[in-house]
Protein backbone atom coordinates (compact mmCIF):
# COMPACT_ATOMS: atom_id res chain seq x y z
CA MET A 1 88.66 115.46 99.51
CA THR A 2 89.72 115.45 103.14
CA GLN A 3 86.24 114.25 104.15
CA PHE A 4 87.18 110.80 102.80
CA THR A 5 90.66 110.61 104.32
CA GLU A 6 89.76 109.28 107.76
CA ASN A 7 87.29 106.73 106.41
CA ILE A 8 89.69 105.39 103.78
CA GLY A 9 92.56 105.43 106.26
CA ASN A 10 90.89 102.71 108.30
CA ALA A 11 90.91 100.48 105.23
CA ILE A 12 94.63 100.91 104.50
CA VAL A 13 97.08 98.26 105.73
CA ASN A 14 100.85 97.98 105.78
CA VAL A 15 101.99 94.73 104.15
CA LEU A 16 105.28 93.36 105.51
CA THR A 17 107.50 90.57 104.20
CA PRO A 18 111.09 89.57 104.99
CA TRP A 19 112.18 91.36 101.80
CA GLY A 20 110.32 94.64 102.04
CA THR A 21 107.11 96.53 102.79
CA GLY A 22 104.15 97.76 100.81
CA THR A 23 100.54 98.80 101.08
CA GLY A 24 97.16 97.13 100.74
CA PHE A 25 93.55 98.25 101.04
CA TYR A 26 90.42 96.40 102.10
CA LEU A 27 87.50 96.23 99.69
CA TYR A 28 84.40 95.88 101.85
CA LYS A 29 82.18 94.54 99.07
CA TYR A 30 84.52 91.68 98.18
CA GLY A 31 85.93 90.84 101.60
CA PHE A 32 89.64 90.84 100.86
CA ILE A 33 92.68 93.12 100.81
CA VAL A 34 94.14 94.25 97.47
CA SER A 35 97.84 94.88 96.93
CA ASN A 36 100.51 94.38 94.26
CA ARG A 37 102.02 91.05 93.35
CA HIS A 38 105.53 92.46 93.67
CA VAL A 39 104.75 93.43 97.29
CA VAL A 40 103.95 89.83 98.32
CA GLN A 41 106.10 88.03 95.74
CA GLY A 42 107.52 84.77 97.04
CA CYS A 43 105.24 84.71 100.10
CA ARG A 44 102.22 82.55 100.75
CA GLN A 45 101.79 84.40 104.03
CA VAL A 46 102.49 88.03 104.95
CA ILE A 47 102.29 90.28 108.00
CA ILE A 48 99.76 93.11 107.99
CA THR A 49 99.15 95.97 110.36
CA GLY A 50 97.03 99.10 110.28
CA THR A 51 95.36 101.83 112.29
CA ASN A 52 92.96 99.31 113.82
CA ILE A 53 94.93 96.09 113.28
CA LYS A 54 97.64 94.66 115.47
CA ARG A 55 100.42 92.88 113.60
CA CYS A 56 99.21 89.51 112.43
CA ILE A 57 100.07 86.78 109.95
CA THR A 58 97.59 86.22 107.15
CA ASN A 59 97.32 84.25 103.90
CA VAL A 60 97.86 85.43 100.36
CA LEU A 61 94.85 84.31 98.30
CA TYR A 62 95.87 85.23 94.77
CA VAL A 63 98.79 86.69 92.81
CA ASP A 64 98.73 88.14 89.32
CA PRO A 65 102.05 88.70 87.50
CA TYR A 66 100.22 90.07 84.45
CA TYR A 67 98.47 92.99 86.17
CA ASP A 68 100.79 92.99 89.22
CA LEU A 69 97.94 92.41 91.66
CA SER A 70 97.48 90.30 94.77
CA PHE A 71 94.57 89.52 97.08
CA ILE A 72 95.16 88.95 100.79
CA GLN A 73 92.90 87.43 103.42
CA PRO A 74 91.86 89.97 106.07
CA PRO A 75 92.05 89.07 109.77
CA GLN A 76 88.83 88.03 111.42
CA ASP A 77 86.91 90.31 113.77
CA VAL A 78 88.49 93.52 112.42
CA LYS A 79 86.14 96.33 111.48
CA PHE A 80 87.32 98.02 108.28
CA SER A 81 85.90 101.10 106.61
CA SER A 82 83.63 100.67 103.62
CA VAL A 83 85.76 101.45 100.56
CA ASP A 84 84.65 100.54 97.04
CA ILE A 85 85.87 100.58 93.46
CA ALA A 86 84.54 103.27 91.13
CA PRO A 87 81.38 102.32 89.19
CA GLU A 88 81.90 100.63 85.84
CA ASP A 89 80.83 103.74 83.92
CA ALA A 90 83.08 106.12 85.89
CA LYS A 91 85.40 108.26 83.78
CA ILE A 92 88.96 109.27 84.58
CA SER A 93 89.86 112.71 83.25
CA ASP A 94 93.16 114.51 82.86
CA GLY A 95 93.56 117.12 85.59
CA GLU A 96 91.03 115.68 88.04
CA PRO A 97 92.13 115.72 91.71
CA VAL A 98 93.20 112.45 93.29
CA MET A 99 94.74 111.20 96.52
CA ALA A 100 97.27 108.39 96.97
CA PHE A 101 97.18 106.41 100.22
CA GLY A 102 99.93 104.18 101.53
CA HIS A 103 103.00 103.51 103.63
CA PRO A 104 105.85 105.13 101.66
CA LEU A 105 109.44 104.13 102.41
CA GLY A 106 108.29 102.02 105.36
CA LEU A 107 106.72 105.01 107.13
CA SER A 108 103.31 104.90 108.75
CA TYR A 109 100.05 105.76 106.97
CA THR A 110 100.42 108.75 104.63
CA THR A 111 98.23 110.56 102.11
CA THR A 112 99.38 112.69 99.20
CA GLN A 113 97.26 114.83 96.92
CA GLY A 114 97.69 115.55 93.23
CA VAL A 115 95.98 115.34 89.87
CA VAL A 116 95.69 112.88 87.02
CA SER A 117 98.51 113.94 84.71
CA LYS A 118 97.38 111.60 81.94
CA SER A 119 94.41 109.27 82.21
CA ARG A 120 95.85 106.69 79.82
CA ARG A 121 99.54 105.90 79.60
CA ARG A 122 100.29 102.54 77.95
CA PHE A 123 103.09 100.21 79.07
CA ASN A 124 103.50 96.63 77.86
CA GLY A 125 99.98 96.52 76.48
CA ILE A 126 98.34 97.77 79.70
CA ASP A 127 96.87 101.24 80.30
CA TYR A 128 97.97 103.06 83.44
CA ILE A 129 96.90 106.29 85.12
CA GLN A 130 99.76 108.76 85.37
CA THR A 131 99.56 111.00 88.44
CA ASP A 132 101.70 113.65 90.08
CA ALA A 133 100.51 112.63 93.57
CA ALA A 134 103.72 111.66 95.36
CA ILE A 135 104.17 107.88 95.17
CA ASN A 136 107.27 106.30 96.70
CA PRO A 137 108.53 102.76 97.35
CA GLY A 138 106.19 101.35 99.99
CA ASN A 139 103.16 103.04 98.41
CA SER A 140 102.91 100.07 96.04
CA GLY A 141 99.54 98.37 96.37
CA GLY A 142 97.78 101.39 97.85
CA PRO A 143 94.68 102.97 96.33
CA LEU A 144 94.42 106.03 94.11
CA VAL A 145 91.15 107.70 95.10
CA ASN A 146 89.03 110.30 93.29
CA SER A 147 87.09 113.22 94.76
CA GLN A 148 84.01 111.02 95.27
CA GLY A 149 85.98 108.65 97.51
CA TYR A 150 86.08 105.80 95.00
CA VAL A 151 89.17 103.73 94.23
CA ILE A 152 90.10 104.48 90.61
CA GLY A 153 93.51 102.79 90.59
CA VAL A 154 96.09 100.66 92.38
CA ASN A 155 99.42 102.47 92.83
CA THR A 156 101.88 100.20 91.07
CA PHE A 157 105.16 101.79 90.01
CA ILE A 158 107.16 104.97 89.55
CA ILE A 159 109.78 106.01 87.04
CA SER A 160 113.09 106.27 88.87
CA GLY A 161 114.58 109.73 88.65
CA GLY A 162 111.31 111.20 87.44
CA GLN A 163 109.70 114.11 89.29
CA ASN A 164 106.30 112.94 90.55
CA LEU A 165 105.86 110.30 87.86
CA GLY A 166 103.63 107.70 89.46
CA PHE A 167 101.49 105.11 87.72
CA SER A 168 98.36 103.32 88.91
CA LEU A 169 96.57 100.33 87.43
CA PRO A 170 93.06 101.55 86.48
CA PHE A 171 90.05 100.19 88.32
CA LYS A 172 88.71 98.49 85.17
CA TYR A 173 91.53 95.93 85.38
CA LEU A 174 90.99 95.46 89.11
CA ARG A 175 87.26 94.91 88.64
CA GLN A 176 87.92 92.45 85.80
CA THR A 177 90.47 90.54 87.90
CA ILE A 178 88.10 90.29 90.85
CA ASP A 179 85.40 88.88 88.59
CA ASP A 180 87.84 86.37 87.06
CA TYR A 181 89.12 85.33 90.47
CA ASN A 182 85.65 84.84 91.94
CA GLU A 183 84.53 82.88 88.89
CA LYS A 184 87.56 80.63 88.34
CA SER A 185 89.51 80.18 91.56
CA GLY A 186 86.91 78.09 93.36
CA GLY A 187 88.13 79.52 96.63
CA VAL A 188 91.55 77.92 96.09
CA TYR A 189 94.84 79.83 96.05
CA SER A 190 95.37 80.89 92.43
CA VAL A 191 97.84 82.55 90.09
CA ARG A 192 97.22 84.23 86.75
CA CYS A 193 99.39 82.86 83.95
CA LYS A 194 101.37 85.75 82.52
CA SER A 195 101.39 84.11 79.07
CA CYS A 196 97.78 83.12 78.36
CA THR A 197 96.30 85.21 81.24
CA ASN A 198 94.12 82.32 82.46
CA ILE A 199 93.70 81.99 86.21
CA VAL A 200 95.30 78.77 87.44
CA ALA A 201 94.12 77.32 90.74
CA GLU A 202 96.80 75.67 92.85
CA ASN A 203 95.19 72.25 92.48
CA MET A 204 95.29 72.52 88.66
CA VAL A 205 99.02 73.00 88.14
CA GLU A 206 101.64 70.24 87.71
CA ASN A 207 105.36 70.96 88.02
CA ASN A 208 104.53 74.67 87.70
CA TYR A 209 103.33 74.33 84.10
CA CYS A 210 100.18 76.22 83.08
CA PRO A 211 97.49 73.64 82.24
CA PHE A 212 96.08 75.96 79.55
CA CYS A 213 99.13 76.99 77.50
CA GLY A 214 101.93 74.82 78.87
CA VAL A 215 104.20 77.74 79.81
CA LYS A 216 106.42 77.35 82.87
CA MET A 217 105.03 79.54 85.65
CA ASP A 218 107.01 81.12 88.48
CA LYS A 219 107.58 78.44 91.11
CA ASP A 220 107.83 81.06 93.86
CA ASP A 221 104.22 82.11 93.20
CA PHE A 222 103.03 78.63 94.18
CA VAL A 223 105.41 77.39 96.87
CA GLY A 224 106.97 80.63 98.05
CA LYS A 225 110.68 81.17 98.53
CA PRO A 226 112.53 80.60 101.80
CA TYR A 227 113.85 83.58 103.71
CA ILE A 228 117.47 83.07 104.72
CA PRO A 229 118.75 85.96 106.84
CA CYS A 230 122.37 87.02 106.65
CA ASP A 231 124.72 86.07 109.48
CA THR A 232 124.14 89.21 111.59
CA SER A 233 120.37 89.22 110.99
CA LYS A 234 120.24 85.54 111.97
CA LYS A 235 121.99 86.38 115.25
CA ILE A 236 119.39 89.08 115.93
CA GLU A 237 116.55 86.66 115.21
CA ASP A 238 118.14 83.94 117.37
CA ILE A 239 118.32 86.45 120.23
CA LEU A 240 114.69 87.50 119.77
CA VAL A 241 113.60 83.83 119.82
CA LYS A 242 115.54 83.32 123.06
CA LEU A 243 113.69 86.32 124.49
CA GLY A 244 110.38 84.62 123.66
CA TYR A 245 109.36 86.54 120.54
CA ASP A 246 107.97 85.25 117.25
CA VAL A 247 110.41 86.70 114.71
CA ILE A 248 107.98 86.19 111.83
CA ILE A 249 105.63 88.73 113.43
CA LEU A 250 108.49 91.08 114.28
CA ARG A 251 110.01 91.27 110.77
CA ASN A 252 109.50 94.70 109.31
CA GLY A 253 111.06 94.29 105.89
CA LYS A 254 114.69 93.43 105.29
CA ASP A 255 117.07 93.59 108.30
CA ASN A 256 114.48 95.39 110.41
CA TRP A 257 112.34 94.20 113.34
CA THR A 258 109.66 95.88 115.43
CA ILE A 259 108.59 94.91 118.96
CA THR A 260 105.26 96.52 119.86
CA GLU A 261 104.38 96.83 123.54
CA ASP A 262 101.42 98.59 125.14
CA ASN A 263 103.19 101.93 125.67
CA PHE A 264 106.20 101.87 123.35
CA THR A 265 107.58 100.34 120.16
CA ILE A 266 111.15 99.07 119.79
CA ASN A 267 112.81 99.21 116.39
CA ILE A 268 115.82 96.97 115.80
CA VAL A 269 117.88 97.60 112.66
CA TYR A 270 120.87 96.00 111.07
CA ALA A 271 122.20 98.87 108.96
CA THR A 272 124.13 97.11 106.22
CA ASP A 273 125.61 100.36 104.86
CA SER A 274 127.38 101.04 108.16
CA ASP A 275 127.52 97.36 109.14
CA CYS A 276 126.14 97.95 112.63
CA VAL A 277 123.19 96.92 114.82
CA ILE A 278 121.12 99.43 116.77
CA ALA A 279 117.82 99.43 118.67
CA TYR A 280 115.87 102.61 119.38
CA THR A 281 112.57 103.53 121.00
CA ASN A 282 110.48 106.66 121.45
CA LEU A 283 109.43 106.57 125.11
CA CYS A 284 107.27 109.69 125.47
CA SER A 285 106.81 113.27 124.36
CA ILE A 286 107.69 116.31 126.49
CA PHE A 287 105.60 119.30 127.51
CA LYS A 288 107.47 122.51 126.73
CA THR A 289 106.99 123.53 130.35
CA ASN A 290 108.88 120.55 131.82
CA PHE A 291 111.96 120.46 129.56
CA ALA A 292 114.40 121.37 132.31
CA ARG A 293 113.15 118.78 134.76
CA VAL A 294 113.15 116.02 132.17
CA TYR A 295 116.61 116.96 130.84
CA GLU A 296 118.04 116.87 134.34
CA PHE A 297 116.56 113.41 134.89
CA LEU A 298 117.88 112.13 131.55
CA LEU A 299 121.39 113.41 132.17
CA ARG A 300 121.48 111.84 135.61
CA GLU A 301 120.16 108.48 134.45
CA ASN A 302 122.22 108.40 131.28
CA ALA A 303 125.39 107.71 133.23
CA LYS A 304 123.81 104.63 134.84
CA ILE A 305 122.94 102.70 131.67
CA PRO A 306 126.02 101.44 129.81
CA ARG A 307 125.77 100.76 126.06
CA MET A 308 122.57 102.82 125.92
CA SER A 309 121.75 106.50 125.76
CA PHE A 310 118.74 108.80 125.78
CA TYR A 311 117.96 111.12 122.90
CA VAL A 312 115.54 114.01 122.41
CA GLU A 313 114.20 114.64 118.92
CA ASP A 314 111.14 116.61 117.83
CA ASN A 315 109.89 116.75 121.44
CA TYR A 316 110.15 112.97 121.76
CA VAL A 317 112.33 111.33 124.39
CA GLY A 318 113.87 108.08 123.22
CA LEU A 319 116.30 105.42 124.32
CA SER A 320 118.74 103.72 121.97
CA THR A 321 121.49 101.18 122.23
CA SER A 322 124.96 102.07 121.09
CA CYS A 323 125.82 101.12 117.50
CA ILE A 324 127.43 97.69 117.52
CA LYS A 325 129.61 96.62 114.63
CA SER A 326 128.59 93.24 113.24
CA SER A 327 132.05 91.86 114.03
CA ASP A 328 131.44 92.71 117.71
CA PHE A 329 127.84 91.48 117.79
CA HIS A 330 127.57 88.07 119.44
CA ILE A 331 124.54 86.11 120.62
CA ASP A 332 125.52 85.92 124.30
CA THR A 333 126.36 89.61 124.77
CA GLY A 334 123.60 90.71 122.40
CA LEU A 335 121.06 88.66 124.35
CA GLU A 336 122.05 90.33 127.61
CA LEU A 337 122.01 93.81 126.01
CA PHE A 338 118.59 93.39 124.40
CA LYS A 339 117.12 91.89 127.56
CA ILE A 340 118.26 94.84 129.70
CA TYR A 341 117.36 97.33 127.00
CA ILE A 342 113.76 96.09 126.69
CA GLN A 343 113.40 96.18 130.48
CA ASN A 344 114.74 99.74 130.57
CA CYS A 345 112.37 100.85 127.83
CA GLY A 346 109.40 99.74 129.92
CA ARG A 347 110.85 101.16 133.14
CA PHE A 348 111.75 104.59 131.76
CA ALA A 349 108.52 104.93 129.76
CA ASN A 350 106.58 104.45 133.00
CA ILE A 351 108.79 106.86 134.98
CA LEU A 352 108.70 109.60 132.37
CA VAL A 353 104.92 109.44 131.97
CA ASN A 354 103.79 108.69 135.51
CA ARG A 355 106.39 110.63 137.51
CA MET A 356 107.82 113.25 135.18
CA GLY A 357 104.57 114.40 133.56
CA CYS A 358 105.44 113.48 129.99
CA LEU A 359 102.86 112.37 127.44
CA PRO A 360 102.55 108.70 126.48
CA ILE A 361 103.25 107.65 122.91
CA LYS A 362 100.27 106.65 120.80
CA ARG A 363 100.85 103.45 118.86
CA ASP A 364 100.02 104.99 115.47
CA GLU A 365 102.52 107.84 115.96
CA ASP A 366 105.23 105.61 117.39
CA GLU A 367 105.25 103.06 114.58
CA LEU A 368 107.04 104.33 111.51
């Protein structure tokens, strides 16, 4: 099955919202990205990124609370791999090998292999594929792929506390939804009514009532819900705006921001469990033969950069700020710290690579 991994990997995207992260995959034949509704819920626009896509804002085209599906507009001028849904007559058998693709727990692109544990497991009137391929939060919306390289399911949910109990929406529902969407949306943003299951185009609904059955639909699916960051997160975003960044692009789920430069990626986190703010960056990787020289340089320079420190982990050299308690985090001092920190990241990345003989970080290995 590994022969399909690289090809499918180029069609996998990470879907980011202010509330969390998930996965999507591009269907070449239909020209849009598929994900789950719960991944994009409350958003008319989302951020996507991938192995060949820089972070960008794009539109949500369709959400489906009945099947928990969503369709997302792909960015223009991006070349995706050709990935397709299994043929209509394809069978799913217990025990057949499968692979799950996605961005679990906010990490970068990952594949896991397993088998179909049960081809038909019914929940709330809908059949799901049960698989033991490891599926974690963040995998939602990614494809479940068979040994022929076809998408046979959309990874949708897991049972908490269960050991490798993942469930994927079978391709028959995805194919049916695509046909319904293409036939009834008229190219307008649309939502499936969870009650009568009719597809309701945005220009058909009044006061969020379904025009077919009269049931009140979820307002957030049509108008979205505003993102209101907490006090500390708002301070971080105010600082990033003052530094000239677009915080919408930088948001990497809840209380997490990512600044991507040419040769490094900065991660800024407000850790609510410890109530502190920290920024960290992998600057380069070290050759085993130049450890001593690099360590000597790091120790010497470490004393010159207050409120920051170098770290070495898994052969990567990084630079982080000190942990700042939210009660001590203020816009004026935070602005000065982040400004100097970003400058130092660029400066030390260049020194370590160009003068110390370290290896530059590739973007796909630097982004979590």
